[in-house]
């Protein structure tokens, strides 16, 4: 496997994990299960890393913003 492709997949997983953990968090709340503090810490860390250093997230965010601005004109 190409190294660039592997890094790309790692960045995609860096987007998927915090979002999935957010859904798990809310499902735990609605079902009355225990919410562990480590879940909240990992979720916050995942979002911070995703927003600060994930180039795939920034590319998708810019693409989404540009599409919205183009549709509003």
Protein backbone atom coordinates (compact mmCIF):
# COMPACT_ATOMS: atom_id res chain seq x y z
CA UNK A 1 0.00 0.00 0.00
CA UNK A 2 1.19 3.47 -0.82
CA UNK A 3 2.27 5.56 2.19
CA UNK A 4 0.15 8.53 1.10
CA UNK A 5 -2.91 6.33 0.84
CA UNK A 6 -2.26 4.93 4.33
CA UNK A 7 -1.90 8.43 5.79
CA UNK A 8 -5.10 9.46 4.01
CA UNK A 9 -7.00 6.57 5.61
CA UNK A 10 -5.57 7.46 9.02
CA UNK A 11 -6.84 11.03 8.60
CA UNK A 12 -10.27 9.71 7.57
CA UNK A 13 -10.35 7.57 10.72
CA UNK A 14 -9.35 10.67 12.69
CA UNK A 15 -12.59 12.25 11.48
CA UNK A 16 -14.76 9.17 12.00
CA UNK A 17 -13.74 8.28 15.56
CA UNK A 18 -14.77 11.52 17.34
CA UNK A 19 -18.06 11.64 15.44
CA UNK A 20 -18.81 8.00 16.28
CA UNK A 21 -17.88 8.59 19.90
CA UNK A 22 -20.33 11.49 19.99
CA UNK A 23 -23.14 9.18 18.84
CA UNK A 24 -22.10 6.58 21.42
CA UNK A 25 -22.13 9.28 24.10
CA UNK A 26 -25.71 10.31 23.31
CA UNK A 27 -26.90 6.71 23.01
CA UNK A 28 -25.42 6.05 26.46
CA UNK A 29 -27.32 9.05 27.82
CA UNK A 30 -30.64 7.98 26.27
CA UNK A 31 -30.30 4.35 27.36
CA UNK A 32 -29.25 5.26 30.89
CA UNK A 33 -25.82 3.66 30.74
CA UNK A 34 -22.84 4.90 32.67
CA UNK A 35 -20.80 7.62 30.97
CA UNK A 36 -17.15 7.32 31.86
CA UNK A 37 -14.97 10.45 32.09
CA UNK A 38 -12.39 8.86 29.79
CA UNK A 39 -15.03 8.82 27.03
CA UNK A 40 -15.46 12.58 27.29
CA UNK A 41 -11.69 13.16 27.41
CA UNK A 42 -11.03 11.00 24.34
CA UNK A 43 -13.88 12.68 22.47
CA UNK A 44 -12.55 16.16 23.28
CA UNK A 45 -9.01 15.15 22.33
CA UNK A 46 -10.24 13.64 19.06
CA UNK A 47 -12.12 16.81 18.10
CA UNK A 48 -9.14 18.99 19.03
CA UNK A 49 -6.76 16.93 16.90
CA UNK A 50 -9.27 16.81 14.05
CA UNK A 51 -9.81 20.57 14.04
CA UNK A 52 -6.19 21.55 14.58
CA UNK A 53 -4.10 19.23 12.40
CA UNK A 54 -6.23 17.02 10.13
CA UNK A 55 -5.73 18.23 6.52
CA UNK A 56 -8.55 16.06 5.16
CA UNK A 57 -10.99 17.68 7.60
CA UNK A 58 -9.83 21.16 6.54
CA UNK A 59 -10.17 20.25 2.86
CA UNK A 60 -13.72 18.95 3.36
CA UNK A 61 -14.66 21.92 5.56
CA UNK A 62 -13.44 24.44 2.95
CA UNK A 63 -15.22 22.56 0.18
CA UNK A 64 -18.46 22.56 2.20
CA UNK A 65 -18.18 26.29 2.99
CA UNK A 66 -17.47 27.18 -0.64
CA UNK A 67 -20.47 25.14 -1.82
CA UNK A 68 -22.74 26.90 0.68
CA UNK A 69 -21.52 30.34 -0.37
CA UNK A 70 -21.99 29.48 -4.03
CA UNK A 71 -25.57 28.28 -3.40
CA UNK A 72 -26.46 31.41 -1.41
CA UNK A 73 -25.48 33.78 -4.25
